[in-house]
PDB file of N, CA and C in Angstrom:
ATOM      1  N   UNK A   1     -31.148  90.625 181.493  1.00  0.00           N
ATOM      2  CA  UNK A   1     -31.013  91.852 180.538  1.00  0.00           C
ATOM      3  C   UNK A   1     -31.029  91.413 178.818  1.00  0.00           C
ATOM      4  N   UNK A   2     -31.540  91.857 177.542  1.00  0.00           N
ATOM      5  CA  UNK A   2     -31.105  91.246 176.785  1.00  0.00           C
ATOM      6  C   UNK A   2     -30.798  92.114 175.909  1.00  0.00           C
ATOM      7  N   UNK A   3     -29.360  91.772 175.333  1.00  0.00           N
ATOM      8  CA  UNK A   3     -28.870  92.717 174.691  1.00  0.00           C
ATOM      9  C   UNK A   3     -29.260  92.793 173.227  1.00  0.00           C
ATOM     10  N   UNK A   4     -28.710  94.040 172.099  1.00  0.00           N
ATOM     11  CA  UNK A   4     -29.347  93.754 171.202  1.00  0.00           C
ATOM     12  C   UNK A   4     -27.737  93.318 170.525  1.00  0.00           C
ATOM     13  N   UNK A   5     -28.458  92.499 168.974  1.00  0.00           N
ATOM     14  CA  UNK A   5     -27.580  91.840 168.385  1.00  0.00           C
ATOM     15  C   UNK A   5     -27.275  92.794 166.911  1.00  0.00           C
ATOM     16  N   UNK A   6     -26.228  93.113 167.282  1.00  0.00           N
ATOM     17  CA  UNK A   6     -25.953  94.275 166.660  1.00  0.00           C
ATOM     18  C   UNK A   6     -24.297  94.722 167.025  1.00  0.00           C
ATOM     19  N   UNK A   7     -23.538  94.746 166.047  1.00  0.00           N
ATOM     20  CA  UNK A   7     -21.676  94.952 165.437  1.00  0.00           C
ATOM     21  C   UNK A   7     -21.584  96.607 166.150  1.00  0.00           C
ATOM     22  N   UNK A   8     -20.608  96.929 167.392  1.00  0.00           N
ATOM     23  CA  UNK A   8     -20.680  98.374 167.047  1.00  0.00           C
ATOM     24  C   UNK A   8     -19.036  98.739 165.855  1.00  0.00           C
ATOM     25  N   UNK A   9     -18.633  98.166 165.061  1.00  0.00           N
ATOM     26  CA  UNK A   9     -17.819  98.650 164.182  1.00  0.00           C
ATOM     27  C   UNK A   9     -18.055  99.147 162.806  1.00  0.00           C
ATOM     28  N   UNK A  10     -17.404  99.785 162.179  1.00  0.00           N
ATOM     29  CA  UNK A  10     -17.628 100.123 161.332  1.00  0.00           C
ATOM     30  C   UNK A  10     -17.492  99.342 159.913  1.00  0.00           C
ATOM     31  N   UNK A  11     -17.960  99.458 158.978  1.00  0.00           N
ATOM     32  CA  UNK A  11     -17.197  98.638 158.009  1.00  0.00           C
ATOM     33  C   UNK A  11     -15.808  98.248 157.458  1.00  0.00           C
ATOM     34  N   UNK A  12     -15.181  99.392 157.688  1.00  0.00           N
ATOM     35  CA  UNK A  12     -13.693  99.892 157.225  1.00  0.00           C
ATOM     36  C   UNK A  12     -12.757  98.830 158.491  1.00  0.00           C
ATOM     37  N   UNK A  13     -13.711  99.315 160.075  1.00  0.00           N
ATOM     38  CA  UNK A  13     -12.885  98.658 161.045  1.00  0.00           C
ATOM     39  C   UNK A  13     -13.111  97.100 160.840  1.00  0.00           C
ATOM     40  N   UNK A  14     -14.523  96.930 160.424  1.00  0.00           N
ATOM     41  CA  UNK A  14     -14.838  95.448 160.245  1.00  0.00           C
ATOM     42  C   UNK A  14     -13.840  94.816 159.302  1.00  0.00           C
ATOM     43  N   UNK A  15     -13.499  94.959 158.364  1.00  0.00           N
ATOM     44  CA  UNK A  15     -12.546  94.560 157.084  1.00  0.00           C
ATOM     45  C   UNK A  15     -11.060  94.485 157.539  1.00  0.00           C
ATOM     46  N   UNK A  16     -10.881  95.790 158.408  1.00  0.00           N
ATOM     47  CA  UNK A  16      -8.997  95.455 158.741  1.00  0.00           C
ATOM     48  C   UNK A  16      -9.473  94.282 160.296  1.00  0.00           C
ATOM     49  N   UNK A  17     -10.689  94.084 161.079  1.00  0.00           N
ATOM     50  CA  UNK A  17     -10.564  93.233 162.320  1.00  0.00           C
ATOM     51  C   UNK A  17     -10.342  91.814 161.148  1.00  0.00           C
ATOM     52  N   UNK A  18     -10.673  91.449 159.884  1.00  0.00           N
ATOM     53  CA  UNK A  18     -10.831  90.683 158.811  1.00  0.00           C
ATOM     54  C   UNK A  18      -9.459  90.154 158.957  1.00  0.00           C
ATOM     55  N   UNK A  19      -9.194  90.994 157.972  1.00  0.00           N
ATOM     56  CA  UNK A  19      -7.909  90.981 157.438  1.00  0.00           C
ATOM     57  C   UNK A  19      -7.040  90.840 158.152  1.00  0.00           C
ATOM     58  N   UNK A  20      -6.727  90.856 159.461  1.00  0.00           N
ATOM     59  CA  UNK A  20      -6.072  91.135 160.374  1.00  0.00           C
ATOM     60  C   UNK A  20      -6.052  89.951 161.788  1.00  0.00           C
ATOM     61  N   UNK A  21      -7.184  89.589 162.356  1.00  0.00           N
ATOM     62  CA  UNK A  21      -6.959  88.860 163.201  1.00  0.00           C
ATOM     63  C   UNK A  21      -7.984  87.542 162.976  1.00  0.00           C
ATOM     64  N   UNK A  22      -9.188  87.825 162.253  1.00  0.00           N
ATOM     65  CA  UNK A  22     -10.136  86.946 161.423  1.00  0.00           C
ATOM     66  C   UNK A  22      -9.619  85.957 160.774  1.00  0.00           C
ATOM     67  N   UNK A  23      -9.348  86.239 159.693  1.00  0.00           N
ATOM     68  CA  UNK A  23      -8.813  85.567 158.675  1.00  0.00           C
ATOM     69  C   UNK A  23      -7.915  84.895 159.005  1.00  0.00           C
ATOM     70  N   UNK A  24      -6.361  84.968 159.173  1.00  0.00           N
ATOM     71  CA  UNK A  24      -5.510  84.133 159.950  1.00  0.00           C
ATOM     72  C   UNK A  24      -5.897  82.882 160.601  1.00  0.00           C
ATOM     73  N   UNK A  25      -7.200  83.724 162.399  1.00  0.00           N
ATOM     74  CA  UNK A  25      -7.210  82.463 162.653  1.00  0.00           C
ATOM     75  C   UNK A  25      -8.574  81.600 161.943  1.00  0.00           C
ATOM     76  N   UNK A  26      -9.297  81.817 161.029  1.00  0.00           N
ATOM     77  CA  UNK A  26     -10.119  81.127 160.128  1.00  0.00           C
ATOM     78  C   UNK A  26      -9.267  80.194 159.560  1.00  0.00           C
ATOM     79  N   UNK A  27      -7.804  80.233 159.092  1.00  0.00           N
ATOM     80  CA  UNK A  27      -7.231  79.457 158.461  1.00  0.00           C
ATOM     81  C   UNK A  27      -6.337  78.482 159.039  1.00  0.00           C
ATOM     82  N   UNK A  28      -6.061  79.044 160.736  1.00  0.00           N
ATOM     83  CA  UNK A  28      -5.913  77.768 161.432  1.00  0.00           C
ATOM     84  C   UNK A  28      -6.893  77.019 162.060  1.00  0.00           C
ATOM     85  N   UNK A  29      -7.552  77.083 162.307  1.00  0.00           N
ATOM     86  CA  UNK A  29      -9.147  76.045 162.641  1.00  0.00           C
ATOM     87  C   UNK A  29      -8.869  75.140 162.198  1.00  0.00           C
ATOM     88  N   UNK A  30      -8.966  73.949 163.184  1.00  0.00           N
ATOM     89  CA  UNK A  30      -8.613  72.610 162.703  1.00  0.00           C
ATOM     90  C   UNK A  30     -10.763  71.580 162.150  1.00  0.00           C
ATOM     91  N   UNK A  31     -11.305  72.433 163.157  1.00  0.00           N
ATOM     92  CA  UNK A  31     -12.547  71.934 162.865  1.00  0.00           C
ATOM     93  C   UNK A  31     -13.850  72.642 163.612  1.00  0.00           C
ATOM     94  N   UNK A  32     -14.829  72.423 163.620  1.00  0.00           N
ATOM     95  CA  UNK A  32     -15.962  73.633 163.937  1.00  0.00           C
ATOM     96  C   UNK A  32     -17.109  72.778 164.240  1.00  0.00           C
ATOM     97  N   UNK A  33     -17.590  72.637 165.514  1.00  0.00           N
ATOM     98  CA  UNK A  33     -18.898  72.004 165.664  1.00  0.00           C
ATOM     99  C   UNK A  33     -19.620  73.199 166.185  1.00  0.00           C
ATOM    100  N   UNK A  34     -21.225  72.207 166.131  1.00  0.00           N
ATOM    101  CA  UNK A  34     -22.104  73.092 166.144  1.00  0.00           C
ATOM    102  C   UNK A  34     -22.266  72.633 168.212  1.00  0.00           C
ATOM    103  N   UNK A  35     -22.958  74.213 168.632  1.00  0.00           N
ATOM    104  CA  UNK A  35     -23.247  73.774 169.568  1.00  0.00           C
ATOM    105  C   UNK A  35     -24.723  73.955 170.131  1.00  0.00           C
ATOM    106  N   UNK A  36     -25.711  74.069 170.918  1.00  0.00           N
ATOM    107  CA  UNK A  36     -27.167  74.446 170.762  1.00  0.00           C
ATOM    108  C   UNK A  36     -27.401  75.553 170.612  1.00  0.00           C
ATOM    109  N   UNK A  37     -26.430  76.909 171.013  1.00  0.00           N
ATOM    110  CA  UNK A  37     -26.647  78.146 170.803  1.00  0.00           C
ATOM    111  C   UNK A  37     -24.976  79.257 170.168  1.00  0.00           C
ATOM    112  N   UNK A  38     -24.513  78.291 169.674  1.00  0.00           N
ATOM    113  CA  UNK A  38     -23.419  78.451 168.947  1.00  0.00           C
ATOM    114  C   UNK A  38     -22.387  77.960 167.921  1.00  0.00           C
ATOM    115  N   UNK A  39     -21.049  77.847 168.021  1.00  0.00           N
ATOM    116  CA  UNK A  39     -20.261  76.700 167.529  1.00  0.00           C
ATOM    117  C   UNK A  39     -18.931  76.665 168.392  1.00  0.00           C
ATOM    118  N   UNK A  40     -18.667  75.672 168.647  1.00  0.00           N
ATOM    119  CA  UNK A  40     -16.936  75.202 168.822  1.00  0.00           C
ATOM    120  C   UNK A  40     -16.241  75.106 167.660  1.00  0.00           C
ATOM    121  N   UNK A  41     -14.980  75.562 168.011  1.00  0.00           N
ATOM    122  CA  UNK A  41     -13.475  75.830 166.973  1.00  0.00           C
ATOM    123  C   UNK A  41     -12.238  75.113 167.613  1.00  0.00           C
ATOM    124  N   UNK A  42     -11.956  74.032 167.040  1.00  0.00           N
ATOM    125  CA  UNK A  42      -9.929  74.044 167.956  1.00  0.00           C
ATOM    126  C   UNK A  42      -9.459  74.205 166.593  1.00  0.00           C
ATOM    127  N   UNK A  43      -8.296  74.480 167.642  1.00  0.00           N
ATOM    128  CA  UNK A  43      -7.229  75.390 167.307  1.00  0.00           C
ATOM    129  C   UNK A  43      -5.940  74.166 167.655  1.00  0.00           C
ATOM    130  N   UNK A  44      -5.020  74.282 166.701  1.00  0.00           N
ATOM    131  CA  UNK A  44      -3.830  73.546 167.807  1.00  0.00           C
ATOM    132  C   UNK A  44      -3.601  74.488 168.738  1.00  0.00           C
ATOM    133  N   UNK A  45      -3.211  73.658 169.798  1.00  0.00           N
ATOM    134  CA  UNK A  45      -2.361  73.981 170.841  1.00  0.00           C
ATOM    135  C   UNK A  45      -1.051  74.502 171.017  1.00  0.00           C
ATOM    136  N   UNK A  46      -1.232  75.805 170.529  1.00  0.00           N
ATOM    137  CA  UNK A  46       0.333  76.337 170.566  1.00  0.00           C
ATOM    138  C   UNK A  46       0.334  77.829 171.483  1.00  0.00           C
ATOM    139  N   UNK A  47       1.347  78.139 172.194  1.00  0.00           N
ATOM    140  CA  UNK A  47       0.899  79.323 172.479  1.00  0.00           C
ATOM    141  C   UNK A  47       0.618  80.817 171.614  1.00  0.00           C
ATOM    142  N   UNK A  48       0.945  80.892 170.154  1.00  0.00           N
ATOM    143  CA  UNK A  48       0.570  81.805 169.367  1.00  0.00           C
ATOM    144  C   UNK A  48      -0.896  82.353 169.061  1.00  0.00           C
ATOM    145  N   UNK A  49      -1.056  80.712 168.869  1.00  0.00           N
ATOM    146  CA  UNK A  49      -2.941  80.653 169.025  1.00  0.00           C
ATOM    147  C   UNK A  49      -3.787  80.860 169.849  1.00  0.00           C
ATOM    148  N   UNK A  50      -3.268  80.777 170.803  1.00  0.00           N
ATOM    149  CA  UNK A  50      -3.830  81.364 172.650  1.00  0.00           C
ATOM    150  C   UNK A  50      -3.515  82.715 172.343  1.00  0.00           C
ATOM    151  N   UNK A  51      -2.611  83.504 172.048  1.00  0.00           N
ATOM    152  CA  UNK A  51      -2.592  84.857 172.212  1.00  0.00           C
ATOM    153  C   UNK A  51      -3.088  85.386 171.092  1.00  0.00           C
ATOM    154  N   UNK A  52      -3.245  84.614 170.468  1.00  0.00           N
ATOM    155  CA  UNK A  52      -4.502  85.284 169.317  1.00  0.00           C
ATOM    156  C   UNK A  52      -5.830  85.350 169.485  1.00  0.00           C
ATOM    157  N   UNK A  53      -5.987  84.061 169.885  1.00  0.00           N
ATOM    158  CA  UNK A  53      -7.522  83.916 170.701  1.00  0.00           C
ATOM    159  C   UNK A  53      -7.732  84.656 171.650  1.00  0.00           C
ATOM    160  N   UNK A  54      -7.039  84.758 172.356  1.00  0.00           N
ATOM    161  CA  UNK A  54      -7.399  86.057 173.717  1.00  0.00           C
ATOM    162  C   UNK A  54      -7.589  87.426 173.221  1.00  0.00           C
ATOM    163  N   UNK A  55      -6.501  87.934 172.464  1.00  0.00           N
ATOM    164  CA  UNK A  55      -6.711  89.191 171.697  1.00  0.00           C
ATOM    165  C   UNK A  55      -8.223  88.909 171.067  1.00  0.00           C
ATOM    166  N   UNK A  56      -8.612  88.275 170.463  1.00  0.00           N
ATOM    167  CA  UNK A  56      -9.982  88.083 169.192  1.00  0.00           C
ATOM    168  C   UNK A  56     -10.901  88.589 170.500  1.00  0.00           C
ATOM    169  N   UNK A  57     -11.381  87.702 171.526  1.00  0.00           N
ATOM    170  CA  UNK A  57     -12.267  87.799 172.601  1.00  0.00           C
ATOM    171  C   UNK A  57     -11.925  89.140 173.059  1.00  0.00           C
ATOM    172  N   UNK A  58     -11.143  89.701 173.496  1.00  0.00           N
ATOM    173  CA  UNK A  58     -10.836  90.741 173.985  1.00  0.00           C
ATOM    174  C   UNK A  58     -11.570  91.928 172.967  1.00  0.00           C
ATOM    175  N   UNK A  59     -11.092  91.712 172.199  1.00  0.00           N
ATOM    176  CA  UNK A  59     -11.216  92.939 170.670  1.00  0.00           C
ATOM    177  C   UNK A  59     -13.292  92.779 170.500  1.00  0.00           C
ATOM    178  N   UNK A  60     -13.648  91.189 170.521  1.00  0.00           N
ATOM    179  CA  UNK A  60     -15.097  91.091 170.164  1.00  0.00           C
ATOM    180  C   UNK A  60     -15.795  91.510 170.916  1.00  0.00           C
ATOM    181  N   UNK A  61     -15.601  91.274 172.359  1.00  0.00           N
ATOM    182  CA  UNK A  61     -16.059  91.442 173.305  1.00  0.00           C
ATOM    183  C   UNK A  61     -17.117  92.738 173.742  1.00  0.00           C
ATOM    184  N   UNK A  62     -15.927  93.665 172.970  1.00  0.00           N
ATOM    185  CA  UNK A  62     -15.853  95.346 173.748  1.00  0.00           C
ATOM    186  C   UNK A  62     -17.149  95.614 172.384  1.00  0.00           C
ATOM    187  N   UNK A  63     -17.273  94.850 170.827  1.00  0.00           N
ATOM    188  CA  UNK A  63     -17.850  95.362 169.789  1.00  0.00           C
ATOM    189  C   UNK A  63     -19.400  94.543 169.546  1.00  0.00           C
ATOM    190  N   UNK A  64     -19.308  93.582 170.042  1.00  0.00           N
ATOM    191  CA  UNK A  64     -20.873  92.468 169.862  1.00  0.00           C
ATOM    192  C   UNK A  64     -20.868  92.017 171.544  1.00  0.00           C
ATOM    193  N   UNK A  65     -21.297  93.017 172.337  1.00  0.00           N
ATOM    194  CA  UNK A  65     -21.509  92.777 173.841  1.00  0.00           C
ATOM    195  C   UNK A  65     -22.750  91.351 173.775  1.00  0.00           C
ATOM    196  N   UNK A  66     -23.151  90.748 172.991  1.00  0.00           N
ATOM    197  CA  UNK A  66     -24.291  90.333 172.586  1.00  0.00           C
ATOM    198  C   UNK A  66     -23.743  88.350 172.606  1.00  0.00           C
ATOM    199  N   UNK A  67     -22.086  88.703 172.557  1.00  0.00           N
ATOM    200  CA  UNK A  67     -21.736  87.091 172.246  1.00  0.00           C
ATOM    201  C   UNK A  67     -21.058  86.810 173.892  1.00  0.00           C
ATOM    202  N   UNK A  68     -21.011  85.643 174.240  1.00  0.00           N
ATOM    203  CA  UNK A  68     -19.977  84.838 175.109  1.00  0.00           C
ATOM    204  C   UNK A  68     -18.885  83.887 174.299  1.00  0.00           C
ATOM    205  N   UNK A  69     -17.949  84.239 175.214  1.00  0.00           N
ATOM    206  CA  UNK A  69     -16.833  83.704 174.410  1.00  0.00           C
ATOM    207  C   UNK A  69     -16.063  82.839 175.576  1.00  0.00           C
ATOM    208  N   UNK A  70     -15.837  81.609 175.286  1.00  0.00           N
ATOM    209  CA  UNK A  70     -14.840  80.227 176.122  1.00  0.00           C
ATOM    210  C   UNK A  70     -14.058  79.866 175.591  1.00  0.00           C
ATOM    211  N   UNK A  71     -12.419  80.395 175.790  1.00  0.00           N
ATOM    212  CA  UNK A  71     -11.419  79.646 175.769  1.00  0.00           C
ATOM    213  C   UNK A  71     -11.067  78.542 176.300  1.00  0.00           C
ATOM    214  N   UNK A  72     -11.232  77.347 175.626  1.00  0.00           N
ATOM    215  CA  UNK A  72     -11.228  76.044 176.905  1.00  0.00           C
ATOM    216  C   UNK A  72      -9.499  75.292 176.950  1.00  0.00           C
ATOM    217  N   UNK A  73      -8.335  75.429 177.702  1.00  0.00           N
ATOM    218  CA  UNK A  73      -7.032  75.004 177.168  1.00  0.00           C
ATOM    219  C   UNK A  73      -7.513  73.511 178.733  1.00  0.00           C
ATOM    220  N   UNK A  74      -7.699  72.672 177.609  1.00  0.00           N
ATOM    221  CA  UNK A  74      -7.083  71.224 178.342  1.00  0.00           C
ATOM    222  C   UNK A  74      -6.072  70.678 179.213  1.00  0.00           C
ATOM    223  N   UNK A  75      -5.875  69.839 179.834  1.00  0.00           N
ATOM    224  CA  UNK A  75      -4.792  69.477 180.162  1.00  0.00           C
ATOM    225  C   UNK A  75      -3.763  68.660 179.066  1.00  0.00           C
ATOM    226  N   UNK A  76      -2.906  68.547 178.953  1.00  0.00           N
ATOM    227  CA  UNK A  76      -1.582  67.685 177.914  1.00  0.00           C
ATOM    228  C   UNK A  76      -1.678  68.892 176.845  1.00  0.00           C
ATOM    229  N   UNK A  77      -1.236  68.306 175.816  1.00  0.00           N
ATOM    230  CA  UNK A  77      -1.526  69.092 174.178  1.00  0.00           C
ATOM    231  C   UNK A  77      -2.688  68.638 173.383  1.00  0.00           C
ATOM    232  N   UNK A  78      -4.011  69.214 174.099  1.00  0.00           N
ATOM    233  CA  UNK A  78      -5.030  68.723 173.356  1.00  0.00           C
ATOM    234  C   UNK A  78      -5.637  70.249 172.724  1.00  0.00           C
ATOM    235  N   UNK A  79      -6.079  70.012 171.514  1.00  0.00           N
ATOM    236  CA  UNK A  79      -6.331  71.131 170.675  1.00  0.00           C
ATOM    237  C   UNK A  79      -7.439  72.209 172.310  1.00  0.00           C
ATOM    238  N   UNK A  80      -6.618  73.639 171.510  1.00  0.00           N
ATOM    239  CA  UNK A  80      -7.394  74.454 172.273  1.00  0.00           C
ATOM    240  C   UNK A  80      -8.805  74.606 171.103  1.00  0.00           C
ATOM    241  N   UNK A  81      -9.649  75.059 172.219  1.00  0.00           N
ATOM    242  CA  UNK A  81     -11.557  75.041 171.980  1.00  0.00           C
ATOM    243  C   UNK A  81     -11.585  76.556 172.293  1.00  0.00           C
ATOM    244  N   UNK A  82     -12.157  77.309 171.514  1.00  0.00           N
ATOM    245  CA  UNK A  82     -13.154  78.552 171.205  1.00  0.00           C
ATOM    246  C   UNK A  82     -14.527  78.080 171.247  1.00  0.00           C
ATOM    247  N   UNK A  83     -14.847  78.595 172.418  1.00  0.00           N
ATOM    248  CA  UNK A  83     -16.886  78.487 171.986  1.00  0.00           C
ATOM    249  C   UNK A  83     -16.827  79.813 171.917  1.00  0.00           C
ATOM    250  N   UNK A  84     -18.175  79.911 170.754  1.00  0.00           N
ATOM    251  CA  UNK A  84     -18.945  81.433 170.764  1.00  0.00           C
ATOM    252  C   UNK A  84     -20.202  80.639 171.146  1.00  0.00           C
ATOM    253  N   UNK A  85     -20.737  81.771 171.090  1.00  0.00           N
ATOM    254  CA  UNK A  85     -22.884  81.469 171.842  1.00  0.00           C
ATOM    255  C   UNK A  85     -23.409  82.634 172.120  1.00  0.00           C
ATOM    256  N   UNK A  86     -24.536  83.226 171.711  1.00  0.00           N
ATOM    257  CA  UNK A  86     -25.161  83.987 171.923  1.00  0.00           C
ATOM    258  C   UNK A  86     -26.648  83.460 171.933  1.00  0.00           C
ATOM    259  N   UNK A  87     -27.793  84.634 171.675  1.00  0.00           N
ATOM    260  CA  UNK A  87     -29.376  84.263 171.413  1.00  0.00           C
ATOM    261  C   UNK A  87     -29.112  84.069 169.926  1.00  0.00           C
ATOM    262  N   UNK A  88     -30.269  82.811 170.133  1.00  0.00           N
ATOM    263  CA  UNK A  88     -30.919  82.426 168.368  1.00  0.00           C
ATOM    264  C   UNK A  88     -30.921  83.561 167.000  1.00  0.00           C
ATOM    265  N   UNK A  89     -30.885  84.841 167.161  1.00  0.00           N
ATOM    266  CA  UNK A  89     -30.628  85.604 166.167  1.00  0.00           C
ATOM    267  C   UNK A  89     -29.256  86.073 166.042  1.00  0.00           C
ATOM    268  N   UNK A  90     -28.264  85.326 167.130  1.00  0.00           N
ATOM    269  CA  UNK A  90     -26.579  86.131 166.223  1.00  0.00           C
ATOM    270  C   UNK A  90     -25.488  84.442 166.058  1.00  0.00           C
ATOM    271  N   UNK A  91     -26.869  83.607 165.459  1.00  0.00           N
ATOM    272  CA  UNK A  91     -26.607  82.274 164.444  1.00  0.00           C
ATOM    273  C   UNK A  91     -25.437  82.441 163.357  1.00  0.00           C
ATOM    274  N   UNK A  92     -26.025  83.501 162.876  1.00  0.00           N
ATOM    275  CA  UNK A  92     -25.367  84.135 161.893  1.00  0.00           C
ATOM    276  C   UNK A  92     -24.002  84.956 161.680  1.00  0.00           C
ATOM    277  N   UNK A  93     -23.673  85.926 162.988  1.00  0.00           N
ATOM    278  CA  UNK A  93     -22.675  86.139 163.094  1.00  0.00           C
ATOM    279  C   UNK A  93     -21.945  84.922 163.494  1.00  0.00           C
ATOM    280  N   UNK A  94     -22.434  84.724 164.393  1.00  0.00           N
ATOM    281  CA  UNK A  94     -21.106  83.538 165.010  1.00  0.00           C
ATOM    282  C   UNK A  94     -21.045  82.209 163.770  1.00  0.00           C
ATOM    283  N   UNK A  95     -21.858  82.189 163.404  1.00  0.00           N
ATOM    284  CA  UNK A  95     -21.376  81.240 162.025  1.00  0.00           C
ATOM    285  C   UNK A  95     -20.568  82.264 160.963  1.00  0.00           C
ATOM    286  N   UNK A  96     -20.497  83.291 160.685  1.00  0.00           N
ATOM    287  CA  UNK A  96     -19.722  83.970 159.868  1.00  0.00           C
ATOM    288  C   UNK A  96     -18.194  84.507 160.803  1.00  0.00           C
ATOM    289  N   UNK A  97     -17.855  84.253 161.796  1.00  0.00           N
ATOM    290  CA  UNK A  97     -16.747  84.027 162.450  1.00  0.00           C
ATOM    291  C   UNK A  97     -15.638  83.654 161.474  1.00  0.00           C
ATOM    292  N   UNK A  98     -15.798  81.956 161.850  1.00  0.00           N
ATOM    293  CA  UNK A  98     -15.127  81.183 161.097  1.00  0.00           C
ATOM    294  C   UNK A  98     -15.792  80.190 159.908  1.00  0.00           C
ATOM    295  N   UNK A  99     -17.067  80.711 159.928  1.00  0.00           N
ATOM    296  CA  UNK A  99     -17.282  79.151 159.299  1.00  0.00           C
ATOM    297  C   UNK A  99     -18.097  77.928 160.537  1.00  0.00           C
ATOM    298  N   UNK A 100     -19.169  77.475 159.373  1.00  0.00           N
ATOM    299  CA  UNK A 100     -19.935  76.505 160.285  1.00  0.00           C
ATOM    300  C   UNK A 100     -19.748  75.403 159.459  1.00  0.00           C
TER     301      UNK A 100
END
């Protein structure tokens, strides 16, 4: 089943989400790598970043059901990775998260 590529947030809600969650995480991103169907973002391996990413994923899965999120925490103190993927028409939405 294909889900429509549409965000359920109003413009005001999206502005608040950007200011409170996306912008701080955007500044914290170490780098971004392209994936065939999205992007992978790396962050410092801290408990605070992990909690912020989990909160972001929980909020975004509710308004952007067409996206797939994977938080990858590897052994040791390696960077935490957030993969965001979706259908080809979602590439602009994904790139807008933290930049690409």
